[in-house]
């Protein structure tokens, strides 16, 4: 439980996977709750917290604007040759 949560935004992590987001969310909830794995009576709350943190993380990463980077909609499209 001592390892750090890695930075998930560009340029530190150019390709963020769902597994990256889930791992960070799980690590965060473990750290905050103090449980590596919850007891059965806390499992639903623990799992709901992991899901909520993962969703908040996705929303944050989707909304961040990194200076000097092309907007995601432009960066993901192939270049079109004019001529």
Protein backbone atom coordinates (compact mmCIF):
# COMPACT_ATOMS: atom_id res chain seq x y z
CA UNK A 1 0.00 0.00 0.00
CA UNK A 2 3.02 2.29 0.03
CA UNK A 3 3.52 2.63 -3.71
CA UNK A 4 2.61 5.91 -5.31
CA UNK A 5 -0.26 6.53 -7.65
CA UNK A 6 1.31 7.43 -10.99
CA UNK A 7 0.46 10.57 -12.93
CA UNK A 8 -2.10 9.78 -15.62
CA UNK A 9 -2.09 12.97 -17.68
CA UNK A 10 -0.08 13.92 -20.71
CA UNK A 11 2.87 14.19 -21.19
CA UNK A 12 3.66 11.86 -18.27
CA UNK A 13 1.40 9.08 -19.56
CA UNK A 14 0.52 9.51 -23.23
CA UNK A 15 -1.74 6.44 -23.34
CA UNK A 16 -4.03 5.94 -20.33
CA UNK A 17 -5.91 2.65 -20.15
CA UNK A 18 -8.97 1.70 -18.12
CA UNK A 19 -6.66 -0.57 -16.13
CA UNK A 20 -4.48 2.45 -15.25
CA UNK A 21 -7.52 4.41 -14.04
CA UNK A 22 -8.92 1.47 -12.07
CA UNK A 23 -5.54 0.77 -10.42
CA UNK A 24 -5.19 4.40 -9.35
CA UNK A 25 -8.75 4.47 -8.01
CA UNK A 26 -8.23 1.25 -6.07
CA UNK A 27 -4.95 2.52 -4.61
CA UNK A 28 -6.60 5.78 -3.56
CA UNK A 29 -9.52 4.04 -1.84
CA UNK A 30 -7.16 1.61 -0.12
CA UNK A 31 -5.07 4.49 1.19
CA UNK A 32 -8.03 6.56 2.37
CA UNK A 33 -9.90 3.65 3.96
CA UNK A 34 -6.86 2.00 5.48
CA UNK A 35 -7.98 -1.39 4.12
CA UNK A 36 -6.11 -3.41 1.52
CA UNK A 37 -9.24 -5.49 1.09
CA UNK A 38 -12.49 -4.70 2.89
CA UNK A 39 -14.41 -7.08 5.10
CA UNK A 40 -17.55 -8.52 3.55
CA UNK A 41 -19.80 -6.01 5.33
CA UNK A 42 -17.79 -3.11 3.78
CA UNK A 43 -17.26 -4.58 0.29
CA UNK A 44 -20.18 -2.77 -1.38
CA UNK A 45 -19.11 0.63 -0.03
CA UNK A 46 -15.48 -0.04 -0.97
CA UNK A 47 -16.38 -1.13 -4.53
CA UNK A 48 -18.73 1.84 -4.97
CA UNK A 49 -15.97 4.20 -3.87
CA UNK A 50 -13.50 2.67 -6.34
CA UNK A 51 -16.05 3.07 -9.15
CA UNK A 52 -16.79 6.69 -8.18
CA UNK A 53 -13.11 7.61 -7.97
CA UNK A 54 -12.43 5.94 -11.34
CA UNK A 55 -15.29 7.87 -12.94
CA UNK A 56 -14.11 11.15 -11.42
CA UNK A 57 -10.60 10.39 -12.69
CA UNK A 58 -11.86 9.77 -16.23
CA UNK A 59 -13.88 13.01 -16.13
CA UNK A 60 -10.88 14.96 -14.87
CA UNK A 61 -8.53 13.55 -17.51
CA UNK A 62 -11.09 14.20 -20.26
CA UNK A 63 -11.47 17.84 -19.21
CA UNK A 64 -7.84 18.77 -18.55
CA UNK A 65 -6.18 21.02 -21.10
CA UNK A 66 -2.44 20.49 -21.38
CA UNK A 67 -0.63 23.57 -22.66
CA UNK A 68 1.15 23.01 -25.93
CA UNK A 69 -0.81 19.87 -26.75
CA UNK A 70 -3.24 19.69 -29.65
CA UNK A 71 -6.91 19.30 -28.66
CA UNK A 72 -7.86 15.61 -28.41
CA UNK A 73 -10.38 15.83 -31.26
CA UNK A 74 -7.68 17.16 -33.59
CA UNK A 75 -4.87 14.95 -32.33
CA UNK A 76 -6.90 11.75 -32.82
CA UNK A 77 -7.80 12.48 -36.44
CA UNK A 78 -5.47 11.48 -39.30
CA UNK A 79 -3.90 14.27 -41.31
CA UNK A 80 -5.75 15.07 -44.53
CA UNK A 81 -3.72 15.93 -47.61
CA UNK A 82 -5.00 18.91 -49.56
CA UNK A 83 -4.09 19.34 -53.14
